[in-house]
């Protein structure tokens, strides 16, 4: 075998090894998505997840795990836009009803009270039919600055509560001045509706997420 051919084979092997190593390193790299519109939230992605797009026009953060057909997003609304007396569970039920309004054969568990990033939160788990069976883990967090909706969903066959809880643990409210809500709302006191583009296909215990 000629010296030139040996050199070529060694070069090919080094290139293939480097390409594989770079691919693995990219997937293991810590990726944190940030709400660039209002700077209210950020989400550190677990391995296998990456930034998504076009899941919901109101979402400040969108994430996908395409290999497992799992999707996630964060919608954040400043507490300055709501009355100071706003109750977390009342708000959560309102946005949950918006989310589930088009689902048929709806089944649900919750609300469960918990802590996320040190803040009060409520969580629901539900599923229904929207062309196919879809299952959701839906968490609403009352932060110092904003009300955050963290939504994870997938087809029923791809659903993993453990995977979506891991995604939830990466949520953080961005630092900044605390909200100073007025006694009367400055805008219509109604949560943003959640509507998913078709391209993406009762306990009262308390627990802590994000420690």
N, C-alpha and C. Protein backbone atom coordinates (compact mmCIF):
# COMPACT_ATOMS: atom_id res chain seq x y z
N UNK A 1 0.86 -1.19 0.00
CA UNK A 1 0.00 0.00 0.00
C UNK A 1 0.89 1.24 0.00
N UNK A 2 0.57 2.17 -0.85
CA UNK A 2 1.42 3.35 -0.99
C UNK A 2 1.29 4.27 0.21
N UNK A 3 2.33 5.07 0.41
CA UNK A 3 2.32 6.03 1.53
C UNK A 3 1.18 7.03 1.37
N UNK A 4 0.91 7.43 0.14
CA UNK A 4 -0.17 8.39 -0.09
C UNK A 4 -1.52 7.84 0.29
N UNK A 5 -1.79 6.55 -0.03
CA UNK A 5 -3.08 5.93 0.32
C UNK A 5 -3.23 5.79 1.82
N UNK A 6 -2.13 5.41 2.50
CA UNK A 6 -2.17 5.30 3.97
C UNK A 6 -2.51 6.65 4.59
N UNK A 7 -1.87 7.69 4.09
CA UNK A 7 -2.14 9.04 4.61
C UNK A 7 -3.60 9.43 4.39
N UNK A 8 -4.13 9.07 3.21
CA UNK A 8 -5.53 9.37 2.91
C UNK A 8 -6.48 8.65 3.86
N UNK A 9 -6.23 7.35 4.12
CA UNK A 9 -7.09 6.57 5.01
C UNK A 9 -7.05 7.13 6.43
N UNK A 10 -5.86 7.50 6.88
CA UNK A 10 -5.74 8.09 8.22
C UNK A 10 -6.53 9.39 8.28
N UNK A 11 -6.44 10.21 7.23
CA UNK A 11 -7.18 11.46 7.20
C UNK A 11 -8.67 11.25 7.26
N UNK A 12 -9.17 10.23 6.51
CA UNK A 12 -10.61 9.92 6.53
C UNK A 12 -11.04 9.49 7.92
N UNK A 13 -10.25 8.63 8.57
CA UNK A 13 -10.60 8.15 9.92
C UNK A 13 -10.64 9.30 10.91
N UNK A 14 -9.65 10.19 10.83
CA UNK A 14 -9.63 11.34 11.74
C UNK A 14 -10.85 12.22 11.51
N UNK A 15 -11.21 12.44 10.24
CA UNK A 15 -12.37 13.28 9.93
C UNK A 15 -13.66 12.66 10.47
N UNK A 16 -13.83 11.33 10.26
CA UNK A 16 -15.05 10.67 10.74
C UNK A 16 -15.13 10.72 12.27
N UNK A 17 -13.99 10.50 12.93
CA UNK A 17 -13.98 10.56 14.40
C UNK A 17 -14.34 11.96 14.88
N UNK A 18 -13.77 12.98 14.23
CA UNK A 18 -14.04 14.36 14.63
C UNK A 18 -15.51 14.72 14.41
N UNK A 19 -16.06 14.28 13.27
CA UNK A 19 -17.47 14.59 12.98
C UNK A 19 -18.38 13.97 14.01
N UNK A 20 -18.09 12.71 14.40
CA UNK A 20 -18.92 12.05 15.40
C UNK A 20 -18.79 12.74 16.76
N UNK A 21 -17.56 13.07 17.14
CA UNK A 21 -17.34 13.74 18.42
C UNK A 21 -18.05 15.09 18.47
N UNK A 22 -17.97 15.84 17.36
CA UNK A 22 -18.62 17.15 17.32
C UNK A 22 -20.12 17.01 17.43
N UNK A 23 -20.68 15.99 16.78
CA UNK A 23 -22.13 15.76 16.83
C UNK A 23 -22.57 15.46 18.26
N UNK A 24 -21.84 14.56 18.94
CA UNK A 24 -22.17 14.22 20.33
C UNK A 24 -22.03 15.44 21.23
N UNK A 25 -20.95 16.20 21.04
CA UNK A 25 -20.72 17.38 21.87
C UNK A 25 -21.83 18.40 21.69
N UNK A 26 -22.32 18.56 20.46
CA UNK A 26 -23.40 19.52 20.23
C UNK A 26 -24.65 19.12 20.97
N UNK A 27 -24.99 17.82 20.99
CA UNK A 27 -26.19 17.38 21.68
C UNK A 27 -26.04 17.49 23.19
N UNK A 28 -24.79 17.37 23.69
CA UNK A 28 -24.60 17.45 25.14
C UNK A 28 -24.37 18.88 25.62
N UNK A 29 -24.22 19.77 24.69
CA UNK A 29 -23.97 21.16 25.05
C UNK A 29 -25.18 21.75 25.77
N UNK A 30 -24.93 22.48 26.85
CA UNK A 30 -26.01 23.14 27.56
C UNK A 30 -26.59 24.24 26.68
N UNK A 31 -27.91 24.20 26.50
CA UNK A 31 -28.59 25.19 25.68
C UNK A 31 -29.68 25.85 26.51
N UNK A 32 -29.60 27.15 26.65
CA UNK A 32 -30.61 27.90 27.39
C UNK A 32 -31.30 28.86 26.44
N UNK A 33 -32.62 28.72 26.33
CA UNK A 33 -33.43 29.60 25.50
C UNK A 33 -33.95 30.74 26.35
N UNK A 34 -34.06 31.91 25.74
CA UNK A 34 -34.46 33.10 26.48
C UNK A 34 -35.62 33.79 25.77
N UNK A 35 -36.54 34.30 26.57
CA UNK A 35 -37.65 35.09 26.05
C UNK A 35 -37.09 36.44 25.60
N UNK A 36 -36.84 36.55 24.31
CA UNK A 36 -36.20 37.77 23.80
C UNK A 36 -37.17 38.93 23.68
N UNK A 37 -38.48 38.66 23.61
CA UNK A 37 -39.46 39.73 23.42
C UNK A 37 -39.61 40.58 24.69
N UNK A 38 -39.76 39.92 25.85
CA UNK A 38 -40.03 40.64 27.09
C UNK A 38 -38.99 40.39 28.17
N UNK A 39 -38.06 39.47 27.92
CA UNK A 39 -37.00 39.15 28.88
C UNK A 39 -37.57 38.76 30.24
N UNK A 40 -38.59 37.91 30.21
CA UNK A 40 -39.26 37.50 31.44
C UNK A 40 -38.91 36.08 31.87
N UNK A 41 -38.41 35.25 30.96
CA UNK A 41 -38.19 33.84 31.30
C UNK A 41 -37.04 33.27 30.49
N UNK A 42 -36.52 32.15 30.98
CA UNK A 42 -35.53 31.38 30.24
C UNK A 42 -35.76 29.90 30.53
N UNK A 43 -35.25 29.06 29.63
CA UNK A 43 -35.48 27.61 29.75
C UNK A 43 -34.20 26.89 29.34
N UNK A 44 -33.60 26.19 30.29
CA UNK A 44 -32.43 25.37 30.00
C UNK A 44 -32.91 24.01 29.48
N UNK A 45 -32.49 23.64 28.29
CA UNK A 45 -33.01 22.45 27.64
C UNK A 45 -32.26 21.20 28.07
N UNK A 46 -32.99 20.10 28.31
CA UNK A 46 -32.33 18.81 28.56
C UNK A 46 -31.71 18.29 27.26
N UNK A 47 -30.85 17.28 27.35
CA UNK A 47 -30.29 16.67 26.14
C UNK A 47 -31.39 16.18 25.21
N UNK A 48 -31.18 16.37 23.93
CA UNK A 48 -32.15 15.93 22.93
C UNK A 48 -33.14 16.99 22.50
N UNK A 49 -33.23 18.08 23.26
CA UNK A 49 -34.14 19.18 22.94
C UNK A 49 -33.38 20.29 22.23
N UNK A 50 -34.10 21.04 21.41
CA UNK A 50 -33.52 22.20 20.76
C UNK A 50 -34.60 23.26 20.57
N UNK A 51 -34.21 24.43 20.14
CA UNK A 51 -35.16 25.51 19.92
C UNK A 51 -36.16 25.12 18.84
N UNK A 52 -37.43 25.48 19.07
CA UNK A 52 -38.47 25.24 18.08
C UNK A 52 -38.96 26.56 17.50
N UNK A 53 -39.93 26.46 16.61
CA UNK A 53 -40.50 27.66 16.02
C UNK A 53 -41.90 27.34 15.50
N UNK A 54 -42.73 28.40 15.43
CA UNK A 54 -44.08 28.31 14.84
C UNK A 54 -45.01 27.35 15.58
N UNK A 55 -44.77 27.14 16.89
CA UNK A 55 -45.70 26.33 17.68
C UNK A 55 -46.87 27.16 18.16
N UNK A 56 -46.59 28.40 18.54
CA UNK A 56 -47.63 29.29 19.04
C UNK A 56 -47.13 30.73 18.92
N UNK A 57 -47.96 31.61 18.37
CA UNK A 57 -47.50 32.98 18.12
C UNK A 57 -47.33 33.78 19.40
N UNK A 58 -47.91 33.34 20.52
CA UNK A 58 -47.77 34.07 21.77
C UNK A 58 -46.60 33.58 22.62
N UNK A 59 -45.98 32.48 22.23
CA UNK A 59 -44.91 31.89 23.04
C UNK A 59 -43.63 32.68 22.92
N UNK A 60 -43.01 32.96 24.07
CA UNK A 60 -41.71 33.61 24.09
C UNK A 60 -40.58 32.61 23.93
N UNK A 61 -40.84 31.35 24.30
CA UNK A 61 -39.86 30.28 24.20
C UNK A 61 -40.57 29.06 23.61
N UNK A 62 -39.92 28.42 22.63
CA UNK A 62 -40.45 27.21 22.01
C UNK A 62 -39.33 26.18 21.92
N UNK A 63 -39.65 24.92 22.23
CA UNK A 63 -38.64 23.87 22.21
C UNK A 63 -39.24 22.58 21.65
N UNK A 64 -38.38 21.77 21.02
CA UNK A 64 -38.85 20.52 20.43
C UNK A 64 -37.84 19.40 20.70
N UNK A 65 -38.37 18.22 20.88
CA UNK A 65 -37.58 16.98 20.85
C UNK A 65 -38.16 16.16 19.71
N UNK A 66 -37.69 16.40 18.50
CA UNK A 66 -38.29 15.80 17.31
C UNK A 66 -38.14 14.29 17.27
N UNK A 67 -37.08 13.80 17.85
CA UNK A 67 -36.87 12.34 17.85
C UNK A 67 -38.02 11.63 18.56
N UNK A 68 -38.56 12.25 19.60
CA UNK A 68 -39.64 11.63 20.38
C UNK A 68 -40.98 12.31 20.18
N UNK A 69 -41.08 13.23 19.22
CA UNK A 69 -42.34 13.94 18.92
C UNK A 69 -42.89 14.65 20.15
N UNK A 70 -41.99 15.34 20.88
CA UNK A 70 -42.39 16.09 22.08
C UNK A 70 -42.13 17.57 21.86
N UNK A 71 -43.02 18.39 22.42
CA UNK A 71 -42.98 19.83 22.19
C UNK A 71 -43.17 20.56 23.52
N UNK A 72 -42.60 21.75 23.62
CA UNK A 72 -42.75 22.55 24.83
C UNK A 72 -42.70 24.03 24.49
N UNK A 73 -43.32 24.82 25.36
CA UNK A 73 -43.27 26.27 25.15
C UNK A 73 -43.54 26.98 26.47
N UNK A 74 -43.14 28.24 26.50
CA UNK A 74 -43.38 29.11 27.65
C UNK A 74 -44.05 30.39 27.15
N UNK A 75 -45.19 30.72 27.75
CA UNK A 75 -45.86 32.00 27.50
C UNK A 75 -45.81 32.79 28.80
N UNK A 76 -45.27 33.99 28.76
CA UNK A 76 -45.11 34.82 29.95
C UNK A 76 -45.88 36.12 29.80
N UNK A 77 -46.62 36.50 30.83
CA UNK A 77 -47.37 37.75 30.84
C UNK A 77 -47.00 38.54 32.09
N UNK A 78 -46.67 39.79 31.92
CA UNK A 78 -46.28 40.63 33.04
C UNK A 78 -47.42 40.75 34.04
N UNK A 79 -47.08 40.65 35.31
CA UNK A 79 -48.10 40.82 36.35
C UNK A 79 -48.56 42.27 36.45
N UNK A 80 -47.83 43.19 35.85
CA UNK A 80 -48.29 44.58 35.82
C UNK A 80 -49.60 44.73 35.06
N UNK A 81 -49.93 43.76 34.20
CA UNK A 81 -51.15 43.83 33.40
C UNK A 81 -52.36 43.25 34.11
N UNK A 82 -52.20 42.81 35.35
CA UNK A 82 -53.29 42.18 36.10
C UNK A 82 -53.44 42.83 37.47
N UNK A 83 -54.61 42.65 38.03
CA UNK A 83 -54.87 43.16 39.37
C UNK A 83 -53.96 42.46 40.38
N UNK A 84 -53.58 43.19 41.41
CA UNK A 84 -52.74 42.62 42.44
C UNK A 84 -53.41 41.49 43.18
N UNK A 85 -54.74 41.47 43.18
CA UNK A 85 -55.48 40.43 43.90
C UNK A 85 -55.71 39.18 43.07
N UNK A 86 -55.14 39.13 41.86
CA UNK A 86 -55.35 37.98 40.98
C UNK A 86 -54.93 36.69 41.68
N UNK A 87 -55.80 35.70 41.66
CA UNK A 87 -55.53 34.40 42.27
C UNK A 87 -54.89 33.47 41.25
N UNK A 88 -53.82 32.80 41.65
CA UNK A 88 -53.08 31.94 40.74
C UNK A 88 -53.97 30.85 40.16
N UNK A 89 -54.74 30.18 41.00
CA UNK A 89 -55.55 29.07 40.50
C UNK A 89 -56.65 29.55 39.57
N UNK A 90 -57.22 30.71 39.84
CA UNK A 90 -58.24 31.27 38.95
C UNK A 90 -57.64 31.54 37.57
N UNK A 91 -56.46 32.15 37.55
CA UNK A 91 -55.77 32.41 36.28
C UNK A 91 -55.47 31.10 35.56
N UNK A 92 -54.95 30.11 36.31
CA UNK A 92 -54.56 28.84 35.70
C UNK A 92 -55.76 28.13 35.09
N UNK A 93 -56.89 28.15 35.78
CA UNK A 93 -58.10 27.50 35.24
C UNK A 93 -58.54 28.20 33.96
N UNK A 94 -58.42 29.53 33.93
CA UNK A 94 -58.81 30.27 32.73
C UNK A 94 -57.99 29.90 31.51
N UNK A 95 -56.67 29.83 31.66
CA UNK A 95 -55.83 29.48 30.52
C UNK A 95 -55.95 28.00 30.18
N UNK A 96 -56.17 27.17 31.19
CA UNK A 96 -56.37 25.74 30.92
C UNK A 96 -57.63 25.52 30.08
N UNK A 97 -58.71 26.24 30.42
CA UNK A 97 -59.95 26.10 29.65
C UNK A 97 -59.76 26.55 28.20
N UNK A 98 -58.95 27.60 28.00
CA UNK A 98 -58.64 28.04 26.65
C UNK A 98 -57.88 26.96 25.89
N UNK A 99 -56.94 26.33 26.56
CA UNK A 99 -56.11 25.31 25.94
C UNK A 99 -56.92 24.08 25.56
N UNK A 100 -57.90 23.72 26.37
CA UNK A 100 -58.62 22.46 26.17
C UNK A 100 -59.94 22.64 25.42
N UNK A 101 -60.28 23.84 25.01
CA UNK A 101 -61.60 24.11 24.44
C UNK A 101 -61.89 23.31 23.17
N UNK A 102 -60.85 22.97 22.40
CA UNK A 102 -61.07 22.25 21.14
C UNK A 102 -60.80 20.75 21.26
N UNK A 103 -60.48 20.27 22.46
CA UNK A 103 -60.19 18.86 22.64
C UNK A 103 -61.47 18.08 22.91
N UNK A 104 -61.59 16.93 22.30
CA UNK A 104 -62.72 16.03 22.55
C UNK A 104 -62.27 14.88 23.47
N UNK A 105 -63.23 14.30 24.18
CA UNK A 105 -62.97 13.17 25.08
C UNK A 105 -61.92 13.55 26.12
N UNK A 106 -62.07 14.72 26.70
CA UNK A 106 -61.07 15.26 27.63
C UNK A 106 -61.10 14.52 28.96
N UNK A 107 -59.91 14.13 29.43
CA UNK A 107 -59.73 13.61 30.79
C UNK A 107 -58.61 14.40 31.44
N UNK A 108 -58.72 14.58 32.75
CA UNK A 108 -57.80 15.52 33.42
C UNK A 108 -57.56 15.11 34.86
N UNK A 109 -56.35 15.43 35.36
CA UNK A 109 -56.04 15.34 36.77
C UNK A 109 -55.43 16.66 37.22
N UNK A 110 -55.66 17.03 38.47
CA UNK A 110 -55.16 18.30 38.99
C UNK A 110 -56.31 19.18 39.45
N UNK A 111 -56.03 20.34 40.01
CA UNK A 111 -54.69 20.95 40.07
C UNK A 111 -53.83 20.41 41.21
N UNK A 112 -52.56 20.35 40.97
CA UNK A 112 -51.57 20.01 41.98
C UNK A 112 -50.76 21.27 42.27
N UNK A 113 -50.64 21.61 43.53
CA UNK A 113 -49.84 22.78 43.93
C UNK A 113 -48.40 22.35 44.14
N UNK A 114 -47.47 23.16 43.64
CA UNK A 114 -46.06 22.85 43.75
C UNK A 114 -45.24 24.14 43.69
N UNK A 115 -43.94 24.01 43.82
CA UNK A 115 -43.02 25.14 43.68
C UNK A 115 -42.17 24.92 42.44
N UNK A 116 -42.04 25.95 41.63
CA UNK A 116 -41.18 25.92 40.45
C UNK A 116 -40.27 27.15 40.52
N UNK A 117 -38.98 26.94 40.51
CA UNK A 117 -38.02 28.04 40.64
C UNK A 117 -38.30 28.87 41.89
N UNK A 118 -38.75 28.19 42.96
CA UNK A 118 -39.04 28.86 44.23
C UNK A 118 -40.35 29.62 44.27
N UNK A 119 -41.14 29.55 43.20
CA UNK A 119 -42.40 30.31 43.11
C UNK A 119 -43.60 29.37 43.20
N UNK A 120 -44.74 29.91 43.63
CA UNK A 120 -45.97 29.13 43.67
C UNK A 120 -46.39 28.75 42.26
N UNK A 121 -46.88 27.53 42.10
CA UNK A 121 -47.31 27.05 40.80
C UNK A 121 -48.44 26.05 40.98
N UNK A 122 -49.24 25.88 39.92
CA UNK A 122 -50.25 24.83 39.87
C UNK A 122 -50.05 24.05 38.58
N UNK A 123 -50.38 22.77 38.63
CA UNK A 123 -50.11 21.90 37.48
C UNK A 123 -51.30 20.99 37.19
N UNK A 124 -51.57 20.81 35.90
CA UNK A 124 -52.60 19.91 35.43
C UNK A 124 -51.97 18.93 34.43
N UNK A 125 -52.51 17.72 34.40
CA UNK A 125 -52.15 16.76 33.37
C UNK A 125 -53.44 16.32 32.71
N UNK A 126 -53.50 16.38 31.38
CA UNK A 126 -54.75 16.03 30.71
C UNK A 126 -54.46 15.53 29.30
N UNK A 127 -55.47 14.90 28.72
CA UNK A 127 -55.36 14.43 27.35
C UNK A 127 -56.71 14.51 26.68
N UNK A 128 -56.68 14.58 25.36
CA UNK A 128 -57.90 14.63 24.58
C UNK A 128 -57.57 14.41 23.12
N UNK A 129 -58.60 14.42 22.30
CA UNK A 129 -58.45 14.17 20.88
C UNK A 129 -58.49 15.48 20.11
N UNK A 130 -57.44 15.73 19.34
CA UNK A 130 -57.40 16.83 18.38
C UNK A 130 -56.77 16.24 17.12
N UNK A 131 -57.60 15.56 16.33
CA UNK A 131 -57.18 14.71 15.21
C UNK A 131 -56.59 13.41 15.74
N UNK A 132 -55.56 13.51 16.62
CA UNK A 132 -55.01 12.33 17.29
C UNK A 132 -55.09 12.56 18.80
N UNK A 133 -54.88 11.51 19.58
CA UNK A 133 -54.81 11.67 21.02
C UNK A 133 -53.55 12.44 21.39
N UNK A 134 -53.72 13.50 22.16
CA UNK A 134 -52.61 14.35 22.60
C UNK A 134 -52.66 14.45 24.12
N UNK A 135 -51.49 14.38 24.73
CA UNK A 135 -51.41 14.47 26.20
C UNK A 135 -50.53 15.65 26.59
N UNK A 136 -50.91 16.33 27.68
CA UNK A 136 -50.26 17.58 28.10
C UNK A 136 -49.84 17.52 29.56
N UNK A 137 -48.71 18.17 29.85
CA UNK A 137 -48.37 18.56 31.22
C UNK A 137 -48.33 20.08 31.21
N UNK A 138 -49.26 20.68 31.96
CA UNK A 138 -49.50 22.13 31.89
C UNK A 138 -49.27 22.74 33.27
N UNK A 139 -48.31 23.66 33.37
CA UNK A 139 -47.93 24.25 34.64
C UNK A 139 -48.00 25.77 34.53
N UNK A 140 -48.59 26.40 35.54
CA UNK A 140 -48.67 27.86 35.59
C UNK A 140 -47.92 28.33 36.84
N UNK A 141 -46.98 29.23 36.62
CA UNK A 141 -46.11 29.72 37.70
C UNK A 141 -46.38 31.20 37.93
N UNK A 142 -46.59 31.58 39.20
CA UNK A 142 -46.73 32.99 39.56
C UNK A 142 -45.38 33.50 40.06
N UNK A 143 -44.63 34.13 39.16
CA UNK A 143 -43.34 34.67 39.53
C UNK A 143 -43.44 36.06 40.12
N UNK A 144 -42.30 36.63 40.47
CA UNK A 144 -42.27 38.01 40.99
C UNK A 144 -42.62 39.01 39.90
N UNK A 145 -42.27 38.69 38.67
CA UNK A 145 -42.44 39.62 37.56
C UNK A 145 -43.59 39.27 36.63
N UNK A 146 -43.88 37.97 36.51
CA UNK A 146 -44.82 37.55 35.46
C UNK A 146 -45.56 36.28 35.85
N UNK A 147 -46.62 36.02 35.10
CA UNK A 147 -47.34 34.76 35.14
C UNK A 147 -46.83 33.94 33.95
N UNK A 148 -46.37 32.72 34.23
CA UNK A 148 -45.74 31.91 33.20
C UNK A 148 -46.54 30.63 32.96
N UNK A 149 -46.85 30.35 31.72
CA UNK A 149 -47.48 29.10 31.33
C UNK A 149 -46.40 28.23 30.68
N UNK A 150 -46.10 27.09 31.30
CA UNK A 150 -45.14 26.15 30.74
C UNK A 150 -45.91 24.93 30.28
N UNK A 151 -45.91 24.71 28.99
CA UNK A 151 -46.74 23.66 28.40
C UNK A 151 -45.86 22.63 27.71
N UNK A 152 -46.06 21.36 28.04
CA UNK A 152 -45.40 20.27 27.34
C UNK A 152 -46.46 19.35 26.78
N UNK A 153 -46.28 18.90 25.54
CA UNK A 153 -47.30 18.01 24.96
C UNK A 153 -46.68 17.11 23.90
N UNK A 154 -47.40 16.03 23.63
CA UNK A 154 -46.96 15.06 22.62
C UNK A 154 -48.14 14.16 22.28
N UNK A 155 -48.05 13.41 21.18
CA UNK A 155 -49.02 12.34 20.98
C UNK A 155 -49.00 11.39 22.18
N UNK A 156 -50.15 10.79 22.45
CA UNK A 156 -50.25 9.94 23.64
C UNK A 156 -49.15 8.88 23.68
N UNK A 157 -48.84 8.26 22.54
CA UNK A 157 -47.86 7.17 22.52
C UNK A 157 -46.44 7.64 22.82
N UNK A 158 -46.18 8.94 22.65
CA UNK A 158 -44.83 9.48 22.88
C UNK A 158 -44.71 10.20 24.21
N UNK A 159 -45.80 10.24 24.99
CA UNK A 159 -45.81 11.04 26.21
C UNK A 159 -44.93 10.41 27.29
N UNK A 160 -44.17 11.27 27.97
CA UNK A 160 -43.37 10.86 29.12
C UNK A 160 -43.43 11.98 30.15
N UNK A 161 -44.12 11.76 31.24
CA UNK A 161 -44.19 12.79 32.28
C UNK A 161 -42.80 13.12 32.80
N UNK A 162 -41.97 12.10 32.93
CA UNK A 162 -40.61 12.31 33.43
C UNK A 162 -39.85 13.27 32.51
N UNK A 163 -40.00 13.11 31.18
CA UNK A 163 -39.30 13.97 30.24
C UNK A 163 -39.79 15.41 30.34
N UNK A 164 -41.09 15.62 30.50
CA UNK A 164 -41.61 16.97 30.59
C UNK A 164 -41.31 17.61 31.95
N UNK A 165 -41.24 16.82 33.00
CA UNK A 165 -40.82 17.36 34.29
C UNK A 165 -39.36 17.79 34.25
N UNK A 166 -38.54 17.04 33.51
CA UNK A 166 -37.14 17.45 33.36
C UNK A 166 -37.05 18.76 32.59
N UNK A 167 -37.89 18.92 31.58
CA UNK A 167 -37.93 20.20 30.85
C UNK A 167 -38.36 21.32 31.78
N UNK A 168 -39.35 21.07 32.62
CA UNK A 168 -39.86 22.08 33.55
C UNK A 168 -38.78 22.52 34.55
N UNK A 169 -37.94 21.58 34.95
CA UNK A 169 -36.89 21.93 35.91
C UNK A 169 -35.90 22.94 35.35
N UNK A 170 -35.85 23.08 34.04
CA UNK A 170 -34.96 24.05 33.44
C UNK A 170 -35.53 25.46 33.37
N UNK A 171 -36.78 25.64 33.83
CA UNK A 171 -37.39 26.98 33.77
C UNK A 171 -36.85 27.89 34.85
N UNK A 172 -36.61 29.15 34.47
CA UNK A 172 -36.25 30.20 35.42
C UNK A 172 -36.90 31.51 34.99
N UNK A 173 -37.34 32.28 35.97
CA UNK A 173 -37.78 33.63 35.67
C UNK A 173 -36.54 34.52 35.56
N UNK A 174 -36.49 35.38 34.56
CA UNK A 174 -35.36 36.27 34.37
C UNK A 174 -35.33 37.32 35.49
N UNK A 175 -34.14 37.69 35.95
CA UNK A 175 -34.04 38.73 36.97
C UNK A 175 -34.50 40.07 36.42
N UNK A 176 -35.02 40.90 37.32
CA UNK A 176 -35.51 42.22 36.93
C UNK A 176 -36.38 42.77 38.03
N UNK A 177 -36.87 43.99 37.88
CA UNK A 177 -37.72 44.58 38.91
C UNK A 177 -39.02 43.82 39.07
N UNK A 178 -39.44 43.66 40.32
CA UNK A 178 -40.70 42.97 40.60
C UNK A 178 -41.87 43.78 40.05
N UNK A 179 -42.94 43.06 39.71
CA UNK A 179 -44.13 43.72 39.18
C UNK A 179 -44.78 44.58 40.26
N UNK A 180 -45.45 45.64 39.82
CA UNK A 180 -46.20 46.51 40.73
C UNK A 180 -47.61 46.66 40.18
N UNK A 181 -48.40 45.58 40.28
CA UNK A 181 -49.74 45.61 39.69
C UNK A 181 -50.64 46.63 40.36
N UNK A 182 -51.51 47.26 39.57
CA UNK A 182 -52.46 48.25 40.08
C UNK A 182 -53.64 47.54 40.71
N UNK A 183 -54.45 48.30 41.45
CA UNK A 183 -55.66 47.73 42.04
C UNK A 183 -56.68 47.43 40.97
N UNK A 184 -56.56 48.12 39.81
CA UNK A 184 -57.43 47.83 38.66
C UNK A 184 -56.54 47.45 37.49
N UNK A 185 -57.02 46.53 36.62
CA UNK A 185 -56.19 46.09 35.50
C UNK A 185 -55.95 47.20 34.50
N UNK A 186 -54.74 47.24 33.94
CA UNK A 186 -54.43 48.25 32.94
C UNK A 186 -54.84 47.80 31.54
N UNK A 187 -55.08 46.48 31.40
CA UNK A 187 -55.60 45.94 30.14
C UNK A 187 -56.70 44.96 30.50
N UNK A 188 -57.42 44.49 29.49
CA UNK A 188 -58.49 43.52 29.75
C UNK A 188 -57.94 42.34 30.53
N UNK A 189 -58.58 42.02 31.66
CA UNK A 189 -58.09 40.99 32.58
C UNK A 189 -58.46 39.61 32.03
N UNK A 190 -57.82 39.22 30.95
CA UNK A 190 -58.08 37.93 30.34
C UNK A 190 -56.78 37.33 29.84
N UNK A 191 -56.48 36.09 30.23
CA UNK A 191 -55.22 35.48 29.80
C UNK A 191 -55.16 35.32 28.29
N UNK A 192 -53.95 35.28 27.76
CA UNK A 192 -53.78 35.00 26.34
C UNK A 192 -54.29 33.61 26.01
N UNK A 193 -54.98 33.50 24.91
CA UNK A 193 -55.44 32.19 24.46
C UNK A 193 -54.26 31.40 23.91
N UNK A 194 -54.30 30.10 24.11
CA UNK A 194 -53.27 29.23 23.59
C UNK A 194 -53.87 28.46 22.41
N UNK A 195 -53.27 28.61 21.25
CA UNK A 195 -53.74 27.86 20.09
C UNK A 195 -52.54 27.25 19.38
N UNK A 196 -52.56 25.95 19.15
CA UNK A 196 -51.43 25.27 18.56
C UNK A 196 -51.62 25.12 17.07
N UNK A 197 -50.55 25.35 16.32
CA UNK A 197 -50.61 25.11 14.89
C UNK A 197 -50.63 23.61 14.66
N UNK A 198 -51.35 23.19 13.64
CA UNK A 198 -51.56 21.77 13.43
C UNK A 198 -50.30 21.03 12.98
N UNK A 199 -49.23 21.78 12.74
CA UNK A 199 -47.99 21.14 12.30
C UNK A 199 -47.40 20.28 13.42
N UNK A 200 -47.73 20.57 14.68
CA UNK A 200 -47.21 19.80 15.81
C UNK A 200 -48.30 18.83 16.28
N UNK A 201 -48.12 18.09 15.64
CA UNK A 201 -49.21 17.21 16.13
C UNK A 201 -49.46 17.23 17.73
N UNK A 202 -57.42 13.84 41.07
CA UNK A 202 -57.26 15.21 41.58
C UNK A 202 -56.52 15.12 42.91
N UNK A 203 -55.24 15.64 42.61
CA UNK A 203 -54.39 15.62 43.80
C UNK A 203 -54.18 17.02 44.29
N UNK A 204 -53.95 17.18 45.58
CA UNK A 204 -53.70 18.49 46.15
C UNK A 204 -52.37 18.51 46.90
N UNK A 205 -51.47 17.61 46.53
CA UNK A 205 -50.17 17.56 47.20
C UNK A 205 -49.30 18.69 46.71
N UNK A 206 -48.26 18.97 47.48
CA UNK A 206 -47.31 20.02 47.11
C UNK A 206 -45.94 19.43 46.95
N UNK A 207 -45.16 19.95 46.01
CA UNK A 207 -43.80 19.49 45.82
C UNK A 207 -42.99 20.60 45.21
N UNK A 208 -41.70 20.40 45.12
CA UNK A 208 -40.77 21.43 44.64
C UNK A 208 -40.14 20.98 43.33
N UNK A 209 -40.11 21.85 42.33
CA UNK A 209 -39.46 21.57 41.05
C UNK A 209 -38.41 22.63 40.82
N UNK A 210 -37.25 22.23 40.36
CA UNK A 210 -36.23 23.20 39.99
C UNK A 210 -35.16 23.42 41.03
N UNK A 211 -35.14 22.56 42.07
CA UNK A 211 -34.07 22.69 43.06
C UNK A 211 -32.75 22.25 42.46
